């Protein structure tokens, strides 16, 4: 993707669907992976895709790599394909909500 307008649109779409801050996402990934005996190192918490989203949230648009752009597009497609008003979770503790939160989208967040 070399067209700056396409990149601008993707950047905006990514930040629209990823509605958790980097701090919220980092905290969620740590909590998600913690168990009674262990807690992962902060930079190793969560699935690889969640870690990539977190890394992108901490970057400026000018610092994006081709891999970042691929991940951003994937996340936009994943969130857009799994969310709609009629199917939003009704409660806070749903599996689908937790899956989306691992990539930075909390469907219960306004």
C-alpha atoms as a PDB file:
ATOM      1  CA  UNK A   1       0.000   0.000   0.000  1.00  0.00           C
ATOM      2  CA  UNK A   2       1.825   3.062  -1.201  1.00  0.00           C
ATOM      3  CA  UNK A   3      -1.106   5.438  -1.698  1.00  0.00           C
ATOM      4  CA  UNK A   4      -1.117   7.879   1.213  1.00  0.00           C
ATOM      5  CA  UNK A   5      -4.913   8.290   0.998  1.00  0.00           C
ATOM      6  CA  UNK A   6      -5.375   4.538   1.416  1.00  0.00           C
ATOM      7  CA  UNK A   7      -2.981   4.544   4.360  1.00  0.00           C
ATOM      8  CA  UNK A   8      -4.796   7.515   5.921  1.00  0.00           C
ATOM      9  CA  UNK A   9      -8.134   5.680   5.564  1.00  0.00           C
ATOM     10  CA  UNK A  10      -6.681   2.471   7.039  1.00  0.00           C
ATOM     11  CA  UNK A  11      -5.127   4.419   9.942  1.00  0.00           C
ATOM     12  CA  UNK A  12      -8.502   6.010  10.705  1.00  0.00           C
ATOM     13  CA  UNK A  13     -10.396   2.701  10.348  1.00  0.00           C
ATOM     14  CA  UNK A  14      -7.887   0.922  12.594  1.00  0.00           C
ATOM     15  CA  UNK A  15      -8.175   3.542  15.320  1.00  0.00           C
ATOM     16  CA  UNK A  16     -11.978   3.495  15.013  1.00  0.00           C
ATOM     17  CA  UNK A  17     -12.269  -0.291  15.489  1.00  0.00           C
ATOM     18  CA  UNK A  18      -9.463  -0.499  18.048  1.00  0.00           C
ATOM     19  CA  UNK A  19     -11.312   1.459  20.702  1.00  0.00           C
ATOM     20  CA  UNK A  20      -9.141   0.445  23.658  1.00  0.00           C
ATOM     21  CA  UNK A  21      -6.135   2.546  24.606  1.00  0.00           C
ATOM     22  CA  UNK A  22      -2.697   0.950  24.610  1.00  0.00           C
ATOM     23  CA  UNK A  23      -2.819   0.926  28.435  1.00  0.00           C
ATOM     24  CA  UNK A  24      -6.236  -0.780  28.453  1.00  0.00           C
ATOM     25  CA  UNK A  25      -5.116  -3.367  25.918  1.00  0.00           C
ATOM     26  CA  UNK A  26      -1.830  -4.088  27.724  1.00  0.00           C
ATOM     27  CA  UNK A  27      -3.707  -4.534  30.991  1.00  0.00           C
ATOM     28  CA  UNK A  28      -6.301  -6.812  29.383  1.00  0.00           C
ATOM     29  CA  UNK A  29      -3.617  -8.996  27.769  1.00  0.00           C
ATOM     30  CA  UNK A  30      -1.830  -9.400  31.124  1.00  0.00           C
ATOM     31  CA  UNK A  31      -5.064 -10.251  32.967  1.00  0.00           C
ATOM     32  CA  UNK A  32      -6.151 -12.629  30.227  1.00  0.00           C
ATOM     33  CA  UNK A  33      -2.930 -14.634  30.436  1.00  0.00           C
ATOM     34  CA  UNK A  34      -2.529 -14.583  34.218  1.00  0.00           C
ATOM     35  CA  UNK A  35      -3.442 -17.589  36.292  1.00  0.00           C
ATOM     36  CA  UNK A  36      -3.244 -18.443  39.965  1.00  0.00           C
ATOM     37  CA  UNK A  37       0.463 -19.278  39.891  1.00  0.00           C
ATOM     38  CA  UNK A  38       1.974 -17.096  37.197  1.00  0.00           C
ATOM     39  CA  UNK A  39       1.643 -13.865  35.317  1.00  0.00           C
ATOM     40  CA  UNK A  40       3.465 -13.349  32.005  1.00  0.00           C
ATOM     41  CA  UNK A  41       6.008 -10.626  31.471  1.00  0.00           C
ATOM     42  CA  UNK A  42       4.186  -7.518  30.213  1.00  0.00           C
ATOM     43  CA  UNK A  43       5.775  -7.658  26.763  1.00  0.00           C
ATOM     44  CA  UNK A  44       4.908 -11.357  26.405  1.00  0.00           C
ATOM     45  CA  UNK A  45       1.251 -11.253  27.494  1.00  0.00           C
ATOM     46  CA  UNK A  46      -1.518 -12.156  25.098  1.00  0.00           C
ATOM     47  CA  UNK A  47      -1.608 -13.752  21.682  1.00  0.00           C
ATOM     48  CA  UNK A  48       0.804 -12.569  18.969  1.00  0.00           C
ATOM     49  CA  UNK A  49      -1.908 -10.604  17.148  1.00  0.00           C
ATOM     50  CA  UNK A  50      -2.816  -8.751  20.341  1.00  0.00           C
ATOM     51  CA  UNK A  51       0.862  -7.951  20.913  1.00  0.00           C
ATOM     52  CA  UNK A  52       1.135  -6.602  17.347  1.00  0.00           C
ATOM     53  CA  UNK A  53      -1.950  -4.385  17.829  1.00  0.00           C
ATOM     54  CA  UNK A  54      -0.440  -3.050  21.043  1.00  0.00           C
ATOM     55  CA  UNK A  55       2.838  -2.286  19.269  1.00  0.00           C
ATOM     56  CA  UNK A  56       1.001  -0.459  16.467  1.00  0.00           C
ATOM     57  CA  UNK A  57      -0.968   1.622  18.984  1.00  0.00           C
ATOM     58  CA  UNK A  58       2.344   2.842  20.344  1.00  0.00           C
ATOM     59  CA  UNK A  59       3.639   3.962  16.935  1.00  0.00           C
ATOM     60  CA  UNK A  60       3.278   7.077  14.870  1.00  0.00           C
ATOM     61  CA  UNK A  61       1.790   6.639  11.412  1.00  0.00           C
ATOM     62  CA  UNK A  62       5.130   7.569   9.828  1.00  0.00           C
ATOM     63  CA  UNK A  63       6.814   4.639  11.620  1.00  0.00           C
ATOM     64  CA  UNK A  64       4.534   1.910  10.257  1.00  0.00           C
ATOM     65  CA  UNK A  65       6.087  -1.052   8.488  1.00  0.00           C
ATOM     66  CA  UNK A  66       4.505  -3.099   5.705  1.00  0.00           C
ATOM     67  CA  UNK A  67       3.793  -5.806   8.301  1.00  0.00           C
ATOM     68  CA  UNK A  68       2.052  -3.224  10.541  1.00  0.00           C
ATOM     69  CA  UNK A  69      -0.143  -2.222   7.603  1.00  0.00           C
ATOM     70  CA  UNK A  70      -1.021  -5.873   6.953  1.00  0.00           C
ATOM     71  CA  UNK A  71      -1.932  -6.376  10.633  1.00  0.00           C
ATOM     72  CA  UNK A  72      -4.003  -3.182  10.701  1.00  0.00           C
ATOM     73  CA  UNK A  73      -5.975  -4.320   7.650  1.00  0.00           C
ATOM     74  CA  UNK A  74      -6.511  -7.767   9.192  1.00  0.00           C
ATOM     75  CA  UNK A  75      -7.776  -6.278  12.465  1.00  0.00           C
ATOM     76  CA  UNK A  76     -10.154  -3.883  10.699  1.00  0.00           C
ATOM     77  CA  UNK A  77     -11.553  -6.801   8.677  1.00  0.00           C
ATOM     78  CA  UNK A  78     -11.834  -9.054  11.750  1.00  0.00           C
ATOM     79  CA  UNK A  79     -13.627  -6.482  13.888  1.00  0.00           C
ATOM     80  CA  UNK A  80     -15.868  -5.287  11.065  1.00  0.00           C
ATOM     81  CA  UNK A  81     -16.840  -8.863  10.248  1.00  0.00           C
ATOM     82  CA  UNK A  82     -17.659  -9.774  13.855  1.00  0.00           C
ATOM     83  CA  UNK A  83     -19.519  -6.720  15.073  1.00  0.00           C
ATOM     84  CA  UNK A  84     -22.874  -5.201  14.386  1.00  0.00           C
ATOM     85  CA  UNK A  85     -25.454  -3.449  16.513  1.00  0.00           C
ATOM     86  CA  UNK A  86     -27.864  -6.399  16.608  1.00  0.00           C
ATOM     87  CA  UNK A  87     -25.209  -8.857  17.789  1.00  0.00           C
ATOM     88  CA  UNK A  88     -23.321  -6.851  20.390  1.00  0.00           C
ATOM     89  CA  UNK A  89     -22.761  -8.753  23.643  1.00  0.00           C
ATOM     90  CA  UNK A  90     -25.424  -8.231  26.269  1.00  0.00           C
ATOM     91  CA  UNK A  91     -23.212  -8.699  29.295  1.00  0.00           C
ATOM     92  CA  UNK A  92     -19.663  -7.982  30.242  1.00  0.00           C
ATOM     93  CA  UNK A  93     -18.542 -11.613  30.444  1.00  0.00           C
ATOM     94  CA  UNK A  94     -18.942 -13.044  26.963  1.00  0.00           C
ATOM     95  CA  UNK A  95     -16.470 -15.130  25.024  1.00  0.00           C
ATOM     96  CA  UNK A  96     -16.872 -13.095  21.828  1.00  0.00           C
ATOM     97  CA  UNK A  97     -16.276  -9.851  23.698  1.00  0.00           C
ATOM     98  CA  UNK A  98     -13.103 -11.255  25.243  1.00  0.00           C
ATOM     99  CA  UNK A  99     -11.852 -12.465  21.867  1.00  0.00           C
ATOM    100  CA  UNK A 100     -12.387  -9.020  20.362  1.00  0.00           C
ATOM    101  CA  UNK A 101     -10.715  -7.376  23.341  1.00  0.00           C
ATOM    102  CA  UNK A 102      -7.513  -9.325  22.636  1.00  0.00           C
ATOM    103  CA  UNK A 103      -7.204  -7.265  19.444  1.00  0.00           C
ATOM    104  CA  UNK A 104      -8.187  -3.991  21.076  1.00  0.00           C
ATOM    105  CA  UNK A 105     -11.940  -3.796  20.422  1.00  0.00           C
ATOM    106  CA  UNK A 106     -14.319  -3.678  23.378  1.00  0.00           C
ATOM    107  CA  UNK A 107     -17.852  -3.939  21.964  1.00  0.00           C
ATOM    108  CA  UNK A 108     -19.324  -2.563  25.193  1.00  0.00           C
ATOM    109  CA  UNK A 109     -17.240   0.598  25.013  1.00  0.00           C
ATOM    110  CA  UNK A 110     -19.008   3.606  23.476  1.00  0.00           C
END
